[in-house]
């Protein structure tokens, strides 16, 4: 089973290399944890969760309201 927390953290960090540097772990070992080959140590999991909690939230809604013309086009 893959480690979804590490997968999500890697996506936010910008890849495995960046996450490995942030978590201060070898990239090869991180890959093994992500693939589910070996169980992720609790300390690493907690650091990944801390990383995710500190990451900026991804917005699903637009930052600004649509103009009246954009709203009319969207209703078509």
PDB file of N, CA and C in Angstrom:
ATOM      1  N   UNK A   1       0.853  -1.181   0.000  1.00  0.00           N
ATOM      2  CA  UNK A   1       0.000   0.000   0.000  1.00  0.00           C
ATOM      3  C   UNK A   1       0.896   1.241   0.000  1.00  0.00           C
ATOM      4  N   UNK A   2       0.540   2.210  -0.824  1.00  0.00           N
ATOM      5  CA  UNK A   2       1.334   3.436  -0.897  1.00  0.00           C
ATOM      6  C   UNK A   2       1.046   4.332   0.306  1.00  0.00           C
ATOM      7  N   UNK A   3       1.978   5.237   0.576  1.00  0.00           N
ATOM      8  CA  UNK A   3       1.795   6.185   1.672  1.00  0.00           C
ATOM      9  C   UNK A   3       1.217   7.462   1.074  1.00  0.00           C
ATOM     10  N   UNK A   4      -0.097   7.617   1.182  1.00  0.00           N
ATOM     11  CA  UNK A   4      -0.788   8.756   0.575  1.00  0.00           C
ATOM     12  C   UNK A   4      -0.335  10.099   1.141  1.00  0.00           C
ATOM     13  N   UNK A   5       0.020  10.122   2.413  1.00  0.00           N
ATOM     14  CA  UNK A   5       0.485  11.375   3.021  1.00  0.00           C
ATOM     15  C   UNK A   5       1.774  11.832   2.346  1.00  0.00           C
ATOM     16  N   UNK A   6       2.696  10.898   2.151  1.00  0.00           N
ATOM     17  CA  UNK A   6       3.956  11.254   1.497  1.00  0.00           C
ATOM     18  C   UNK A   6       3.730  11.625   0.037  1.00  0.00           C
ATOM     19  N   UNK A   7       2.826  10.934  -0.637  1.00  0.00           N
ATOM     20  CA  UNK A   7       2.534  11.258  -2.039  1.00  0.00           C
ATOM     21  C   UNK A   7       1.979  12.675  -2.162  1.00  0.00           C
ATOM     22  N   UNK A   8       1.062  13.012  -1.287  1.00  0.00           N
ATOM     23  CA  UNK A   8       0.480  14.353  -1.309  1.00  0.00           C
ATOM     24  C   UNK A   8       1.540  15.404  -0.982  1.00  0.00           C
ATOM     25  N   UNK A   9       2.358  15.121   0.026  1.00  0.00           N
ATOM     26  CA  UNK A   9       3.413  16.061   0.419  1.00  0.00           C
ATOM     27  C   UNK A   9       4.417  16.267  -0.711  1.00  0.00           C
ATOM     28  N   UNK A  10       4.746  15.195  -1.423  1.00  0.00           N
ATOM     29  CA  UNK A  10       5.687  15.315  -2.541  1.00  0.00           C
ATOM     30  C   UNK A  10       5.100  16.192  -3.645  1.00  0.00           C
ATOM     31  N   UNK A  11       3.810  16.046  -3.888  1.00  0.00           N
ATOM     32  CA  UNK A  11       3.170  16.884  -4.900  1.00  0.00           C
ATOM     33  C   UNK A  11       3.212  18.348  -4.535  1.00  0.00           C
ATOM     34  N   UNK A  12       2.998  18.641  -3.273  1.00  0.00           N
ATOM     35  CA  UNK A  12       3.014  20.035  -2.818  1.00  0.00           C
ATOM     36  C   UNK A  12       4.440  20.583  -2.745  1.00  0.00           C
ATOM     37  N   UNK A  13       5.375  19.728  -2.324  1.00  0.00           N
ATOM     38  CA  UNK A  13       6.768  20.165  -2.174  1.00  0.00           C
ATOM     39  C   UNK A  13       7.442  20.426  -3.515  1.00  0.00           C
ATOM     40  N   UNK A  14       6.920  19.807  -4.575  1.00  0.00           N
ATOM     41  CA  UNK A  14       7.545  19.970  -5.880  1.00  0.00           C
ATOM     42  C   UNK A  14       8.316  18.746  -6.319  1.00  0.00           C
ATOM     43  N   UNK A  15       8.041  17.614  -5.708  1.00  0.00           N
ATOM     44  CA  UNK A  15       8.681  16.368  -6.115  1.00  0.00           C
ATOM     45  C   UNK A  15       9.368  15.659  -4.967  1.00  0.00           C
ATOM     46  N   UNK A  16       9.859  14.469  -5.294  1.00  0.00           N
ATOM     47  CA  UNK A  16      10.500  13.626  -4.282  1.00  0.00           C
ATOM     48  C   UNK A  16      11.793  14.260  -3.766  1.00  0.00           C
ATOM     49  N   UNK A  17      12.578  14.839  -4.677  1.00  0.00           N
ATOM     50  CA  UNK A  17      13.842  15.457  -4.248  1.00  0.00           C
ATOM     51  C   UNK A  17      13.597  16.548  -3.210  1.00  0.00           C
ATOM     52  N   UNK A  18      12.644  17.420  -3.502  1.00  0.00           N
ATOM     53  CA  UNK A  18      12.357  18.536  -2.591  1.00  0.00           C
ATOM     54  C   UNK A  18      11.823  18.035  -1.253  1.00  0.00           C
ATOM     55  N   UNK A  19      10.940  17.025  -1.295  1.00  0.00           N
ATOM     56  CA  UNK A  19      10.398  16.508  -0.047  1.00  0.00           C
ATOM     57  C   UNK A  19      11.478  15.804   0.764  1.00  0.00           C
ATOM     58  N   UNK A  20      12.347  15.055   0.111  1.00  0.00           N
ATOM     59  CA  UNK A  20      13.437  14.370   0.818  1.00  0.00           C
ATOM     60  C   UNK A  20      14.330  15.388   1.537  1.00  0.00           C
ATOM     61  N   UNK A  21      14.620  16.496   0.866  1.00  0.00           N
ATOM     62  CA  UNK A  21      15.429  17.542   1.506  1.00  0.00           C
ATOM     63  C   UNK A  21      14.685  18.130   2.695  1.00  0.00           C
ATOM     64  N   UNK A  22      13.395  18.391   2.518  1.00  0.00           N
ATOM     65  CA  UNK A  22      12.606  18.992   3.599  1.00  0.00           C
ATOM     66  C   UNK A  22      12.512  18.059   4.812  1.00  0.00           C
ATOM     67  N   UNK A  23      12.290  16.766   4.560  1.00  0.00           N
ATOM     68  CA  UNK A  23      12.153  15.803   5.652  1.00  0.00           C
ATOM     69  C   UNK A  23      13.506  15.317   6.180  1.00  0.00           C
ATOM     70  N   UNK A  24      14.569  15.681   5.471  1.00  0.00           N
ATOM     71  CA  UNK A  24      15.937  15.280   5.836  1.00  0.00           C
ATOM     72  C   UNK A  24      16.087  13.754   5.854  1.00  0.00           C
ATOM     73  N   UNK A  25      15.660  13.144   4.736  1.00  0.00           N
ATOM     74  CA  UNK A  25      15.781  11.694   4.575  1.00  0.00           C
ATOM     75  C   UNK A  25      16.356  11.407   3.187  1.00  0.00           C
ATOM     76  N   UNK A  26      17.004  10.244   3.008  1.00  0.00           N
ATOM     77  CA  UNK A  26      17.511   9.890   1.682  1.00  0.00           C
ATOM     78  C   UNK A  26      16.365   9.704   0.683  1.00  0.00           C
ATOM     79  N   UNK A  27      16.587  10.198  -0.532  1.00  0.00           N
ATOM     80  CA  UNK A  27      15.567  10.116  -1.572  1.00  0.00           C
ATOM     81  C   UNK A  27      15.158   8.665  -1.856  1.00  0.00           C
ATOM     82  N   UNK A  28      16.115   7.777  -1.902  1.00  0.00           N
ATOM     83  CA  UNK A  28      15.819   6.367  -2.187  1.00  0.00           C
ATOM     84  C   UNK A  28      14.916   5.773  -1.098  1.00  0.00           C
ATOM     85  N   UNK A  29      15.201   6.094   0.149  1.00  0.00           N
ATOM     86  CA  UNK A  29      14.390   5.589   1.256  1.00  0.00           C
ATOM     87  C   UNK A  29      12.978   6.177   1.189  1.00  0.00           C
ATOM     88  N   UNK A  30      12.887   7.455   0.883  1.00  0.00           N
ATOM     89  CA  UNK A  30      11.584   8.101   0.753  1.00  0.00           C
ATOM     90  C   UNK A  30      10.753   7.412  -0.329  1.00  0.00           C
ATOM     91  N   UNK A  31      11.389   7.087  -1.439  1.00  0.00           N
ATOM     92  CA  UNK A  31      10.696   6.380  -2.511  1.00  0.00           C
ATOM     93  C   UNK A  31      10.161   5.032  -2.055  1.00  0.00           C
ATOM     94  N   UNK A  32      10.947   4.313  -1.245  1.00  0.00           N
ATOM     95  CA  UNK A  32      10.497   3.017  -0.717  1.00  0.00           C
ATOM     96  C   UNK A  32       9.276   3.176   0.179  1.00  0.00           C
ATOM     97  N   UNK A  33       9.271   4.221   0.983  1.00  0.00           N
ATOM     98  CA  UNK A  33       8.120   4.474   1.856  1.00  0.00           C
ATOM     99  C   UNK A  33       6.898   4.842   1.020  1.00  0.00           C
ATOM    100  N   UNK A  34       7.123   5.690   0.011  1.00  0.00           N
ATOM    101  CA  UNK A  34       6.011   6.138  -0.824  1.00  0.00           C
ATOM    102  C   UNK A  34       5.385   4.979  -1.593  1.00  0.00           C
ATOM    103  N   UNK A  35       6.213   4.062  -2.034  1.00  0.00           N
ATOM    104  CA  UNK A  35       5.729   2.901  -2.794  1.00  0.00           C
ATOM    105  C   UNK A  35       5.098   1.848  -1.893  1.00  0.00           C
ATOM    106  N   UNK A  36       5.277   1.993  -0.600  1.00  0.00           N
ATOM    107  CA  UNK A  36       4.733   1.013   0.321  1.00  0.00           C
ATOM    108  C   UNK A  36       5.582  -0.226   0.471  1.00  0.00           C
ATOM    109  N   UNK A  37       6.828  -0.159   0.001  1.00  0.00           N
ATOM    110  CA  UNK A  37       7.739  -1.302   0.120  1.00  0.00           C
ATOM    111  C   UNK A  37       8.105  -1.562   1.576  1.00  0.00           C
ATOM    112  N   UNK A  38       8.250  -0.478   2.323  1.00  0.00           N
ATOM    113  CA  UNK A  38       8.534  -0.567   3.758  1.00  0.00           C
ATOM    114  C   UNK A  38       7.653   0.455   4.469  1.00  0.00           C
ATOM    115  N   UNK A  39       7.322   0.163   5.705  1.00  0.00           N
ATOM    116  CA  UNK A  39       6.469   1.061   6.463  1.00  0.00           C
ATOM    117  C   UNK A  39       7.201   2.358   6.782  1.00  0.00           C
ATOM    118  N   UNK A  40       6.504   3.465   6.609  1.00  0.00           N
ATOM    119  CA  UNK A  40       7.073   4.775   6.913  1.00  0.00           C
ATOM    120  C   UNK A  40       7.210   4.926   8.422  1.00  0.00           C
ATOM    121  N   UNK A  41       8.405   5.310   8.903  1.00  0.00           N
ATOM    122  CA  UNK A  41       8.559   5.534  10.344  1.00  0.00           C
ATOM    123  C   UNK A  41       7.614   6.641  10.824  1.00  0.00           C
ATOM    124  N   UNK A  42       7.142   6.470  12.021  1.00  0.00           N
ATOM    125  CA  UNK A  42       6.184   7.427  12.586  1.00  0.00           C
ATOM    126  C   UNK A  42       6.742   8.844  12.605  1.00  0.00           C
ATOM    127  N   UNK A  43       8.022   8.999  12.931  1.00  0.00           N
ATOM    128  CA  UNK A  43       8.612  10.337  12.984  1.00  0.00           C
ATOM    129  C   UNK A  43       8.562  11.020  11.617  1.00  0.00           C
ATOM    130  N   UNK A  44       8.803  10.256  10.560  1.00  0.00           N
ATOM    131  CA  UNK A  44       8.766  10.815   9.206  1.00  0.00           C
ATOM    132  C   UNK A  44       7.323  11.166   8.833  1.00  0.00           C
ATOM    133  N   UNK A  45       6.388  10.280   9.167  1.00  0.00           N
ATOM    134  CA  UNK A  45       4.974  10.558   8.886  1.00  0.00           C
ATOM    135  C   UNK A  45       4.526  11.846   9.578  1.00  0.00           C
ATOM    136  N   UNK A  46       4.937  12.021  10.821  1.00  0.00           N
ATOM    137  CA  UNK A  46       4.558  13.229  11.561  1.00  0.00           C
ATOM    138  C   UNK A  46       5.175  14.479  10.943  1.00  0.00           C
ATOM    139  N   UNK A  47       6.421  14.377  10.481  1.00  0.00           N
ATOM    140  CA  UNK A  47       7.043  15.534   9.822  1.00  0.00           C
ATOM    141  C   UNK A  47       6.328  15.858   8.515  1.00  0.00           C
ATOM    142  N   UNK A  48       5.877  14.824   7.801  1.00  0.00           N
ATOM    143  CA  UNK A  48       5.139  15.048   6.555  1.00  0.00           C
ATOM    144  C   UNK A  48       3.792  15.722   6.842  1.00  0.00           C
ATOM    145  N   UNK A  49       3.123  15.290   7.895  1.00  0.00           N
ATOM    146  CA  UNK A  49       1.853  15.909   8.274  1.00  0.00           C
ATOM    147  C   UNK A  49       2.087  17.370   8.675  1.00  0.00           C
ATOM    148  N   UNK A  50       3.130  17.623   9.430  1.00  0.00           N
ATOM    149  CA  UNK A  50       3.461  19.002   9.803  1.00  0.00           C
ATOM    150  C   UNK A  50       3.706  19.847   8.556  1.00  0.00           C
ATOM    151  N   UNK A  51       4.407  19.265   7.581  1.00  0.00           N
ATOM    152  CA  UNK A  51       4.664  19.965   6.314  1.00  0.00           C
ATOM    153  C   UNK A  51       3.339  20.302   5.628  1.00  0.00           C
ATOM    154  N   UNK A  52       2.442  19.322   5.557  1.00  0.00           N
ATOM    155  CA  UNK A  52       1.153  19.543   4.894  1.00  0.00           C
ATOM    156  C   UNK A  52       0.317  20.586   5.626  1.00  0.00           C
ATOM    157  N   UNK A  53       0.364  20.578   6.933  1.00  0.00           N
ATOM    158  CA  UNK A  53      -0.411  21.561   7.706  1.00  0.00           C
ATOM    159  C   UNK A  53       0.104  22.975   7.487  1.00  0.00           C
ATOM    160  N   UNK A  54       1.387  23.111   7.197  1.00  0.00           N
ATOM    161  CA  UNK A  54       1.966  24.426   6.975  1.00  0.00           C
ATOM    162  C   UNK A  54       1.912  24.886   5.533  1.00  0.00           C
ATOM    163  N   UNK A  55       1.513  23.983   4.629  1.00  0.00           N
ATOM    164  CA  UNK A  55       1.449  24.333   3.214  1.00  0.00           C
ATOM    165  C   UNK A  55       0.251  25.227   2.953  1.00  0.00           C
ATOM    166  N   UNK A  56       0.381  26.156   2.010  1.00  0.00           N
ATOM    167  CA  UNK A  56      -0.767  27.008   1.680  1.00  0.00           C
ATOM    168  C   UNK A  56      -1.929  26.158   1.173  1.00  0.00           C
ATOM    169  N   UNK A  57      -3.122  26.540   1.537  1.00  0.00           N
ATOM    170  CA  UNK A  57      -4.318  25.817   1.088  1.00  0.00           C
ATOM    171  C   UNK A  57      -4.515  26.016  -0.404  1.00  0.00           C
ATOM    172  N   UNK A  58      -4.936  24.976  -1.059  1.00  0.00           N
ATOM    173  CA  UNK A  58      -5.228  25.059  -2.490  1.00  0.00           C
ATOM    174  C   UNK A  58      -6.664  25.547  -2.618  1.00  0.00           C
ATOM    175  N   UNK A  59      -6.825  26.594  -3.359  1.00  0.00           N
ATOM    176  CA  UNK A  59      -8.160  27.167  -3.523  1.00  0.00           C
ATOM    177  C   UNK A  59      -8.861  26.525  -4.710  1.00  0.00           C
ATOM    178  N   UNK A  60     -10.080  26.130  -4.501  1.00  0.00           N
ATOM    179  CA  UNK A  60     -10.854  25.577  -5.597  1.00  0.00           C
ATOM    180  C   UNK A  60     -11.748  26.641  -6.228  1.00  0.00           C
ATOM    181  N   UNK A  61     -12.017  27.706  -5.502  1.00  0.00           N
ATOM    182  CA  UNK A  61     -12.847  28.789  -6.018  1.00  0.00           C
ATOM    183  C   UNK A  61     -11.954  29.880  -6.596  1.00  0.00           C
ATOM    184  N   UNK A  62     -12.445  30.623  -7.558  1.00  0.00           N
ATOM    185  CA  UNK A  62     -11.639  31.715  -8.110  1.00  0.00           C
ATOM    186  C   UNK A  62     -11.352  32.773  -7.049  1.00  0.00           C
ATOM    187  N   UNK A  63     -10.243  33.464  -7.218  1.00  0.00           N
ATOM    188  CA  UNK A  63      -9.857  34.497  -6.263  1.00  0.00           C
ATOM    189  C   UNK A  63     -10.723  35.735  -6.394  1.00  0.00           C
ATOM    190  N   UNK A  64     -11.274  35.958  -7.578  1.00  0.00           N
ATOM    191  CA  UNK A  64     -12.117  37.129  -7.793  1.00  0.00           C
ATOM    192  C   UNK A  64     -13.464  36.680  -8.344  1.00  0.00           C
ATOM    193  N   UNK A  65     -14.441  37.533  -8.188  1.00  0.00           N
ATOM    194  CA  UNK A  65     -15.758  37.239  -8.750  1.00  0.00           C
ATOM    195  C   UNK A  65     -15.714  37.453 -10.253  1.00  0.00           C
ATOM    196  N   UNK A  66     -16.478  36.658 -10.993  1.00  0.00           N
ATOM    197  CA  UNK A  66     -16.501  36.867 -12.443  1.00  0.00           C
ATOM    198  C   UNK A  66     -17.191  38.190 -12.789  1.00  0.00           C
ATOM    199  N   UNK A  67     -16.770  38.758 -13.903  1.00  0.00           N
ATOM    200  CA  UNK A  67     -17.436  39.969 -14.381  1.00  0.00           C
ATOM    201  C   UNK A  67     -18.823  39.577 -14.865  1.00  0.00           C
ATOM    202  N   UNK A  68     -19.722  40.532 -15.022  1.00  0.00           N
ATOM    203  CA  UNK A  68     -21.065  40.202 -15.533  1.00  0.00           C
ATOM    204  C   UNK A  68     -21.012  39.470 -16.879  1.00  0.00           C
ATOM    205  N   UNK A  69     -20.078  39.859 -17.756  1.00  0.00           N
ATOM    206  CA  UNK A  69     -19.949  39.199 -19.058  1.00  0.00           C
ATOM    207  C   UNK A  69     -19.497  37.747 -18.876  1.00  0.00           C
ATOM    208  N   UNK A  70     -18.521  37.510 -18.002  1.00  0.00           N
ATOM    209  CA  UNK A  70     -18.061  36.137 -17.737  1.00  0.00           C
ATOM    210  C   UNK A  70     -19.177  35.291 -17.136  1.00  0.00           C
ATOM    211  N   UNK A  71     -19.967  35.862 -16.238  1.00  0.00           N
ATOM    212  CA  UNK A  71     -21.076  35.139 -15.627  1.00  0.00           C
ATOM    213  C   UNK A  71     -22.111  34.751 -16.667  1.00  0.00           C
ATOM    214  N   UNK A  72     -22.402  35.679 -17.577  1.00  0.00           N
ATOM    215  CA  UNK A  72     -23.390  35.402 -18.641  1.00  0.00           C
ATOM    216  C   UNK A  72     -22.898  34.293 -19.557  1.00  0.00           C
ATOM    217  N   UNK A  73     -21.626  34.317 -19.896  1.00  0.00           N
ATOM    218  CA  UNK A  73     -21.053  33.269 -20.757  1.00  0.00           C
ATOM    219  C   UNK A  73     -21.079  31.908 -20.068  1.00  0.00           C
ATOM    220  N   UNK A  74     -20.849  31.893 -18.768  1.00  0.00           N
ATOM    221  CA  UNK A  74     -20.815  30.641 -18.016  1.00  0.00           C
ATOM    222  C   UNK A  74     -22.208  30.008 -17.954  1.00  0.00           C
ATOM    223  N   UNK A  75     -23.252  30.830 -18.012  1.00  0.00           N
ATOM    224  CA  UNK A  75     -24.632  30.310 -17.940  1.00  0.00           C
ATOM    225  C   UNK A  75     -25.081  29.687 -19.245  1.00  0.00           C
ATOM    226  N   UNK A  76     -24.387  29.941 -20.328  1.00  0.00           N
ATOM    227  CA  UNK A  76     -24.800  29.425 -21.638  1.00  0.00           C
ATOM    228  C   UNK A  76     -24.644  27.948 -21.733  1.00  0.00           C
TER     229      UNK A  76
END
